[in-house]
Amino acid sequence: MESDQGAERARQRALVRRGYDAISLAYRGDDGTAAACSAEDVSRYAGWVAELAGLLRPGARVIDLGCGAGIPATRQLASHGLQVLGVDFSAVQLHRARRLVPAARFVQADMAALHLRPASADAVAAFYSLIHVPLEDQQALFPRIRGWLRPGGYLLAIVGAGQWTGTEPYLGAGMFWDHAATATYLRWLRAARLTPIWNRYIPEGTSGHTLVLAQASRRRANDIPPAA
């Protein structure tokens, strides 16, 4: 049963990878504009990135999980003088990202299976990427993100605002989404020793997402007293 569930989650992630291979240009133009039918306001990325950059030292290392074609987020992170590693599993998206954001480094990988050196990053950003990962894989990813971060490092991520799962056509390709409620994400983050600092509802058309900033605990797991 567990292997069947793992295979289904792998199938869902593969659907997302194939989908973005097919819709890369339709989803995001080379100038960073969103699809005409999208409710996403890409101008908001600049403020989010600037807020994160303001918490980091010059030259800090940032991982952009699900970087896509690198615009606007990866490019804006790099423009703040940060060392950026973009991670995506879409070959088409990464081909564009390497051309559009030459200041960053990129690696093709499924974030659900990604391995990085412990304490090697000052921050992790994940804009509209975690929501394409099955919830079980999302929950398992947070402790690994904590492991990649140096103590006191930051995670800035767009997550679900309400529980919803769907597989639907998107810009002409099949696509998968999986959202938990904000309260569930906050609980998962705390369990992973990522302390939520704030969360904000980001409205988009008739729905929306949650933007959350969390900080890696400076204490080791065995230094934290058990819950009462």
C-alpha atoms as a PDB file:
ATOM      1  CA  MET A   1       0.000   0.000   0.000  1.00  0.00           C
ATOM      2  CA  GLU A   2       2.788   2.433   0.923  1.00  0.00           C
ATOM      3  CA  SER A   3       4.649   1.692  -2.323  1.00  0.00           C
ATOM      4  CA  ASP A   4       1.423   2.289  -4.270  1.00  0.00           C
ATOM      5  CA  GLN A   5       1.002   5.679  -2.560  1.00  0.00           C
ATOM      6  CA  GLY A   6       4.620   6.560  -3.314  1.00  0.00           C
ATOM      7  CA  ALA A   7       4.111   5.645  -6.964  1.00  0.00           C
ATOM      8  CA  GLU A   8       0.989   7.820  -7.136  1.00  0.00           C
ATOM      9  CA  ARG A   9       2.826  10.797  -5.665  1.00  0.00           C
ATOM     10  CA  ALA A  10       5.653  10.291  -8.174  1.00  0.00           C
ATOM     11  CA  ARG A  11       3.055  10.222 -10.965  1.00  0.00           C
ATOM     12  CA  GLN A  12       1.560  13.499  -9.719  1.00  0.00           C
ATOM     13  CA  ARG A  13       4.953  15.194  -9.602  1.00  0.00           C
ATOM     14  CA  ALA A  14       5.762  13.902 -13.103  1.00  0.00           C
ATOM     15  CA  LEU A  15       2.508  15.416 -14.365  1.00  0.00           C
ATOM     16  CA  VAL A  16       3.651  18.806 -13.056  1.00  0.00           C
ATOM     17  CA  ARG A  17       7.092  18.414 -14.658  1.00  0.00           C
ATOM     18  CA  ARG A  18       5.607  17.514 -18.050  1.00  0.00           C
ATOM     19  CA  GLY A  19       3.067  20.308 -17.694  1.00  0.00           C
ATOM     20  CA  TYR A  20       5.688  23.010 -17.187  1.00  0.00           C
ATOM     21  CA  ASP A  21       7.808  21.588 -20.002  1.00  0.00           C
ATOM     22  CA  ALA A  22       4.784  22.136 -22.235  1.00  0.00           C
ATOM     23  CA  ILE A  23       3.545  25.532 -20.989  1.00  0.00           C
ATOM     24  CA  SER A  24       6.794  27.264 -19.997  1.00  0.00           C
ATOM     25  CA  LEU A  25       6.439  30.229 -22.373  1.00  0.00           C
ATOM     26  CA  ALA A  26       2.692  30.465 -21.952  1.00  0.00           C
ATOM     27  CA  TYR A  27       3.074  30.565 -18.166  1.00  0.00           C
ATOM     28  CA  ARG A  28       5.869  33.141 -18.044  1.00  0.00           C
ATOM     29  CA  GLY A  29       7.202  35.301 -20.872  1.00  0.00           C
ATOM     30  CA  ASP A  30      10.874  36.179 -21.160  1.00  0.00           C
ATOM     31  CA  ASP A  31      10.021  39.613 -19.759  1.00  0.00           C
ATOM     32  CA  GLY A  32       8.575  38.017 -16.615  1.00  0.00           C
ATOM     33  CA  THR A  33       4.916  38.647 -17.431  1.00  0.00           C
ATOM     34  CA  ALA A  34       2.331  36.111 -16.309  1.00  0.00           C
ATOM     35  CA  ALA A  35      -0.192  34.429 -18.586  1.00  0.00           C
ATOM     36  CA  ALA A  36      -3.054  36.738 -19.573  1.00  0.00           C
ATOM     37  CA  CYS A  37      -5.585  34.393 -17.972  1.00  0.00           C
ATOM     38  CA  SER A  38      -3.680  34.245 -14.664  1.00  0.00           C
ATOM     39  CA  ALA A  39      -4.732  36.151 -11.534  1.00  0.00           C
ATOM     40  CA  GLU A  40      -1.102  36.204 -10.376  1.00  0.00           C
ATOM     41  CA  ASP A  41       0.379  39.676  -9.838  1.00  0.00           C
ATOM     42  CA  VAL A  42       4.081  39.194 -10.617  1.00  0.00           C
ATOM     43  CA  SER A  43       4.890  42.741  -9.474  1.00  0.00           C
ATOM     44  CA  ARG A  44       4.550  41.498  -5.889  1.00  0.00           C
ATOM     45  CA  TYR A  45       7.679  39.354  -6.182  1.00  0.00           C
ATOM     46  CA  ALA A  46       9.941  42.406  -5.983  1.00  0.00           C
ATOM     47  CA  GLY A  47       8.648  43.325  -2.525  1.00  0.00           C
ATOM     48  CA  TRP A  48       8.822  39.752  -1.247  1.00  0.00           C
ATOM     49  CA  VAL A  49      12.381  39.305  -2.471  1.00  0.00           C
ATOM     50  CA  ALA A  50      13.482  42.681  -1.106  1.00  0.00           C
ATOM     51  CA  GLU A  51      12.057  41.798   2.302  1.00  0.00           C
ATOM     52  CA  LEU A  52      13.977  38.524   2.370  1.00  0.00           C
ATOM     53  CA  ALA A  53      17.173  40.131   1.074  1.00  0.00           C
ATOM     54  CA  GLY A  54      16.940  42.708   3.848  1.00  0.00           C
ATOM     55  CA  LEU A  55      17.312  39.928   6.408  1.00  0.00           C
ATOM     56  CA  LEU A  56      20.466  38.490   4.822  1.00  0.00           C
ATOM     57  CA  ARG A  57      24.133  39.443   4.703  1.00  0.00           C
ATOM     58  CA  PRO A  58      25.646  40.480   1.358  1.00  0.00           C
ATOM     59  CA  GLY A  59      26.533  37.437  -0.705  1.00  0.00           C
ATOM     60  CA  ALA A  60      24.306  35.117   1.318  1.00  0.00           C
ATOM     61  CA  ARG A  61      23.440  31.784  -0.311  1.00  0.00           C
ATOM     62  CA  VAL A  62      19.790  31.336  -1.269  1.00  0.00           C
ATOM     63  CA  ILE A  63      18.077  28.273  -2.740  1.00  0.00           C
ATOM     64  CA  ASP A  64      15.136  29.042  -5.046  1.00  0.00           C
ATOM     65  CA  LEU A  65      13.034  25.876  -4.954  1.00  0.00           C
ATOM     66  CA  GLY A  66      10.914  25.451  -8.056  1.00  0.00           C
ATOM     67  CA  CYS A  67      12.638  28.377  -9.760  1.00  0.00           C
ATOM     68  CA  GLY A  68      10.995  27.758 -13.121  1.00  0.00           C
ATOM     69  CA  ALA A  69      12.401  29.967 -15.880  1.00  0.00           C
ATOM     70  CA  GLY A  70      14.109  32.133 -13.248  1.00  0.00           C
ATOM     71  CA  ILE A  71      11.905  35.176 -13.687  1.00  0.00           C
ATOM     72  CA  PRO A  72      11.076  37.186 -11.825  1.00  0.00           C
ATOM     73  CA  ALA A  73      12.166  35.661  -8.489  1.00  0.00           C
ATOM     74  CA  THR A  74      15.604  34.146  -9.226  1.00  0.00           C
ATOM     75  CA  ARG A  75      16.668  37.192 -11.204  1.00  0.00           C
ATOM     76  CA  GLN A  76      15.530  39.536  -8.430  1.00  0.00           C
ATOM     77  CA  LEU A  77      17.307  37.487  -5.753  1.00  0.00           C
ATOM     78  CA  ALA A  78      20.527  37.652  -7.764  1.00  0.00           C
ATOM     79  CA  SER A  79      20.090  41.402  -8.300  1.00  0.00           C
ATOM     80  CA  HIS A  80      20.368  41.876  -4.523  1.00  0.00           C
ATOM     81  CA  GLY A  81      23.892  40.446  -4.607  1.00  0.00           C
ATOM     82  CA  LEU A  82      22.869  37.023  -3.299  1.00  0.00           C
ATOM     83  CA  GLN A  83      24.385  33.718  -4.432  1.00  0.00           C
ATOM     84  CA  VAL A  84      21.388  31.904  -5.852  1.00  0.00           C
ATOM     85  CA  LEU A  85      20.953  28.217  -6.629  1.00  0.00           C
ATOM     86  CA  GLY A  86      17.809  27.627  -8.662  1.00  0.00           C
ATOM     87  CA  VAL A  87      16.236  24.173  -8.471  1.00  0.00           C
ATOM     88  CA  ASP A  88      13.604  22.863 -10.867  1.00  0.00           C
ATOM     89  CA  PHE A  89      12.760  19.553 -12.496  1.00  0.00           C
ATOM     90  CA  SER A  90      11.526  20.961 -15.799  1.00  0.00           C
ATOM     91  CA  ALA A  91      14.288  20.792 -18.396  1.00  0.00           C
ATOM     92  CA  VAL A  92      12.541  23.423 -20.528  1.00  0.00           C
ATOM     93  CA  GLN A  93      12.213  25.830 -17.627  1.00  0.00           C
ATOM     94  CA  LEU A  94      15.850  25.395 -16.636  1.00  0.00           C
ATOM     95  CA  HIS A  95      17.091  25.886 -20.202  1.00  0.00           C
ATOM     96  CA  ARG A  96      15.374  29.265 -20.195  1.00  0.00           C
ATOM     97  CA  ALA A  97      16.532  30.112 -16.670  1.00  0.00           C
ATOM     98  CA  ARG A  98      20.200  29.595 -17.538  1.00  0.00           C
ATOM     99  CA  ARG A  99      19.788  31.999 -20.449  1.00  0.00           C
ATOM    100  CA  LEU A 100      17.669  34.586 -18.632  1.00  0.00           C
ATOM    101  CA  VAL A 101      19.540  34.641 -15.296  1.00  0.00           C
ATOM    102  CA  PRO A 102      23.236  33.997 -16.001  1.00  0.00           C
ATOM    103  CA  ALA A 103      24.186  35.327 -12.541  1.00  0.00           C
ATOM    104  CA  ALA A 104      22.598  32.309 -10.824  1.00  0.00           C
ATOM    105  CA  ARG A 105      23.486  28.616 -10.768  1.00  0.00           C
ATOM    106  CA  PHE A 106      20.889  25.966 -11.580  1.00  0.00           C
ATOM    107  CA  VAL A 107      20.367  22.279 -10.958  1.00  0.00           C
ATOM    108  CA  GLN A 108      17.711  19.990 -12.393  1.00  0.00           C
ATOM    109  CA  ALA A 109      16.135  17.996  -9.569  1.00  0.00           C
ATOM    110  CA  ASP A 110      12.813  16.982  -8.067  1.00  0.00           C
ATOM    111  CA  MET A 111      12.624  18.931  -4.798  1.00  0.00           C
ATOM    112  CA  ALA A 112      10.945  15.945  -3.154  1.00  0.00           C
ATOM    113  CA  ALA A 113      14.173  13.969  -3.671  1.00  0.00           C
ATOM    114  CA  LEU A 114      16.706  16.802  -3.505  1.00  0.00           C
ATOM    115  CA  HIS A 115      19.794  16.384  -1.300  1.00  0.00           C
ATOM    116  CA  LEU A 116      22.002  19.333  -0.326  1.00  0.00           C
ATOM    117  CA  ARG A 117      24.806  19.780   2.191  1.00  0.00           C
ATOM    118  CA  PRO A 118      23.614  20.427   5.750  1.00  0.00           C
ATOM    119  CA  ALA A 119      23.765  24.044   6.930  1.00  0.00           C
ATOM    120  CA  SER A 120      24.823  25.216   3.460  1.00  0.00           C
ATOM    121  CA  ALA A 121      22.166  27.908   2.847  1.00  0.00           C
ATOM    122  CA  ASP A 122      21.167  31.170   4.471  1.00  0.00           C
ATOM    123  CA  ALA A 123      17.665  31.129   3.021  1.00  0.00           C
ATOM    124  CA  VAL A 124      15.263  29.056   0.952  1.00  0.00           C
ATOM    125  CA  ALA A 125      12.588  30.651  -1.228  1.00  0.00           C
ATOM    126  CA  ALA A 126       9.704  28.691  -2.725  1.00  0.00           C
ATOM    127  CA  PHE A 127       7.200  30.770  -4.685  1.00  0.00           C
ATOM    128  CA  TYR A 128       4.179  28.832  -6.001  1.00  0.00           C
ATOM    129  CA  SER A 129       6.179  25.585  -6.177  1.00  0.00           C
ATOM    130  CA  LEU A 130       5.401  23.681  -2.971  1.00  0.00           C
ATOM    131  CA  ILE A 131       1.710  23.741  -3.887  1.00  0.00           C
ATOM    132  CA  HIS A 132       2.448  21.439  -6.846  1.00  0.00           C
ATOM    133  CA  VAL A 133       3.983  18.799  -4.545  1.00  0.00           C
ATOM    134  CA  PRO A 134       1.787  16.108  -2.908  1.00  0.00           C
ATOM    135  CA  LEU A 135       1.074  16.998   0.725  1.00  0.00           C
ATOM    136  CA  GLU A 136       2.900  14.008   2.164  1.00  0.00           C
ATOM    137  CA  ASP A 137       6.015  15.064   0.249  1.00  0.00           C
ATOM    138  CA  GLN A 138       5.550  18.698   1.315  1.00  0.00           C
ATOM    139  CA  GLN A 139       5.441  17.708   4.980  1.00  0.00           C
ATOM    140  CA  ALA A 140       8.547  15.547   4.582  1.00  0.00           C
ATOM    141  CA  LEU A 141      10.373  18.375   2.807  1.00  0.00           C
ATOM    142  CA  PHE A 142      10.236  20.885   5.670  1.00  0.00           C
ATOM    143  CA  PRO A 143      12.667  19.020   7.974  1.00  0.00           C
ATOM    144  CA  ARG A 144      15.069  18.647   5.041  1.00  0.00           C
ATOM    145  CA  ILE A 145      14.846  22.383   4.323  1.00  0.00           C
ATOM    146  CA  ARG A 146      15.661  22.975   7.994  1.00  0.00           C
ATOM    147  CA  GLY A 147      18.698  20.756   7.537  1.00  0.00           C
ATOM    148  CA  TRP A 148      19.946  22.775   4.552  1.00  0.00           C
ATOM    149  CA  LEU A 149      19.610  26.047   6.456  1.00  0.00           C
ATOM    150  CA  ARG A 150      22.198  27.450   8.780  1.00  0.00           C
ATOM    151  CA  PRO A 151      20.867  28.185  12.285  1.00  0.00           C
ATOM    152  CA  GLY A 152      18.887  31.395  12.054  1.00  0.00           C
ATOM    153  CA  GLY A 153      18.349  30.999   8.298  1.00  0.00           C
ATOM    154  CA  TYR A 154      15.012  31.765   6.651  1.00  0.00           C
ATOM    155  CA  LEU A 155      12.325  30.053   4.604  1.00  0.00           C
ATOM    156  CA  LEU A 156      10.023  32.298   2.564  1.00  0.00           C
ATOM    157  CA  ALA A 157       7.323  30.285   0.827  1.00  0.00           C
ATOM    158  CA  ILE A 158       3.930  30.473  -0.828  1.00  0.00           C
ATOM    159  CA  VAL A 159       1.721  27.691   0.512  1.00  0.00           C
ATOM    160  CA  GLY A 160      -1.956  26.897   0.475  1.00  0.00           C
ATOM    161  CA  ALA A 161      -4.464  29.025   2.381  1.00  0.00           C
ATOM    162  CA  GLY A 162      -7.184  26.379   2.471  1.00  0.00           C
ATOM    163  CA  GLN A 163      -7.318  22.643   1.909  1.00  0.00           C
ATOM    164  CA  TRP A 164      -7.726  21.736  -1.770  1.00  0.00           C
ATOM    165  CA  THR A 165      -6.418  19.105  -4.150  1.00  0.00           C
ATOM    166  CA  GLY A 166      -6.933  19.122  -7.876  1.00  0.00           C
ATOM    167  CA  THR A 167      -5.774  17.834 -11.236  1.00  0.00           C
ATOM    168  CA  GLU A 168      -7.001  20.130 -13.977  1.00  0.00           C
ATOM    169  CA  PRO A 169      -6.051  21.500 -17.404  1.00  0.00           C
ATOM    170  CA  TYR A 170      -3.886  24.606 -17.088  1.00  0.00           C
ATOM    171  CA  LEU A 171      -2.819  26.674 -20.109  1.00  0.00           C
ATOM    172  CA  GLY A 172      -3.352  23.608 -22.283  1.00  0.00           C
ATOM    173  CA  ALA A 173      -1.577  20.982 -20.149  1.00  0.00           C
ATOM    174  CA  GLY A 174      -2.582  18.754 -17.266  1.00  0.00           C
ATOM    175  CA  MET A 175      -1.504  20.102 -13.852  1.00  0.00           C
ATOM    176  CA  PHE A 176      -1.625  18.946 -10.232  1.00  0.00           C
ATOM    177  CA  TRP A 177      -1.997  21.010  -7.055  1.00  0.00           C
ATOM    178  CA  ASP A 178      -2.169  20.036  -3.378  1.00  0.00           C
ATOM    179  CA  HIS A 179      -2.934  22.597  -0.656  1.00  0.00           C
ATOM    180  CA  ALA A 180      -3.266  22.236   3.095  1.00  0.00           C
ATOM    181  CA  ALA A 181      -4.786  24.926   5.325  1.00  0.00           C
ATOM    182  CA  THR A 182      -2.490  27.653   6.655  1.00  0.00           C
ATOM    183  CA  ALA A 183      -2.776  26.322  10.215  1.00  0.00           C
ATOM    184  CA  THR A 184      -1.565  22.911   9.045  1.00  0.00           C
ATOM    185  CA  TYR A 185       1.503  24.434   7.389  1.00  0.00           C
ATOM    186  CA  LEU A 186       2.342  26.406  10.521  1.00  0.00           C
ATOM    187  CA  ARG A 187       2.143  23.205  12.567  1.00  0.00           C
ATOM    188  CA  TRP A 188       4.385  21.345  10.102  1.00  0.00           C
ATOM    189  CA  LEU A 189       6.914  24.169  10.157  1.00  0.00           C
ATOM    190  CA  ARG A 190       7.112  24.218  13.956  1.00  0.00           C
ATOM    191  CA  ALA A 191       7.534  20.441  14.026  1.00  0.00           C
ATOM    192  CA  ALA A 192      10.449  20.826  11.585  1.00  0.00           C
ATOM    193  CA  ARG A 193      12.113  23.462  13.844  1.00  0.00           C
ATOM    194  CA  LEU A 194      11.197  26.258  11.453  1.00  0.00           C
ATOM    195  CA  THR A 195       9.609  28.948  13.595  1.00  0.00           C
ATOM    196  CA  PRO A 196       6.935  30.972  11.758  1.00  0.00           C
ATOM    197  CA  ILE A 197       7.603  34.721  12.029  1.00  0.00           C
ATOM    198  CA  TRP A 198       4.594  35.911  10.078  1.00  0.00           C
ATOM    199  CA  ASN A 199       2.085  34.740   7.482  1.00  0.00           C
ATOM    200  CA  ARG A 200       0.035  36.819   5.055  1.00  0.00           C
ATOM    201  CA  TYR A 201      -2.927  36.015   2.883  1.00  0.00           C
ATOM    202  CA  ILE A 202      -2.187  36.775  -0.784  1.00  0.00           C
ATOM    203  CA  PRO A 203      -5.477  37.305  -2.656  1.00  0.00           C
ATOM    204  CA  GLU A 204      -5.630  36.200  -6.264  1.00  0.00           C
ATOM    205  CA  GLY A 205      -8.917  36.601  -8.060  1.00  0.00           C
ATOM    206  CA  THR A 206     -11.599  34.745  -6.102  1.00  0.00           C
ATOM    207  CA  SER A 207      -9.102  32.733  -4.053  1.00  0.00           C
ATOM    208  CA  GLY A 208      -5.561  33.105  -2.774  1.00  0.00           C
ATOM    209  CA  HIS A 209      -2.515  31.629  -1.099  1.00  0.00           C
ATOM    210  CA  THR A 210      -0.495  32.196   2.073  1.00  0.00           C
ATOM    211  CA  LEU A 211       2.982  33.718   2.138  1.00  0.00           C
ATOM    212  CA  VAL A 212       4.897  32.563   5.211  1.00  0.00           C
ATOM    213  CA  LEU A 213       8.285  33.544   6.607  1.00  0.00           C
ATOM    214  CA  ALA A 214       9.899  31.087   9.033  1.00  0.00           C
ATOM    215  CA  GLN A 215      13.285  30.998  10.731  1.00  0.00           C
ATOM    216  CA  ALA A 216      15.454  27.951  11.398  1.00  0.00           C
ATOM    217  CA  SER A 217      15.749  27.235  15.094  1.00  0.00           C
ATOM    218  CA  ARG A 218      19.140  28.043  16.595  1.00  0.00           C
ATOM    219  CA  ARG A 219      18.750  25.145  19.036  1.00  0.00           C
ATOM    220  CA  ARG A 220      19.393  21.504  18.337  1.00  0.00           C
ATOM    221  CA  ALA A 221      16.426  19.139  18.450  1.00  0.00           C
ATOM    222  CA  ASN A 222      17.649  17.518  21.700  1.00  0.00           C
ATOM    223  CA  ASP A 223      17.918  20.961  23.344  1.00  0.00           C
ATOM    224  CA  ILE A 224      14.203  21.614  22.928  1.00  0.00           C
ATOM    225  CA  PRO A 225      12.129  20.502  25.942  1.00  0.00           C
ATOM    226  CA  PRO A 226       9.243  18.123  25.288  1.00  0.00           C
ATOM    227  CA  ALA A 227       5.763  19.568  25.016  1.00  0.00           C
ATOM    228  CA  ALA A 228       3.767  19.554  28.236  1.00  0.00           C
END
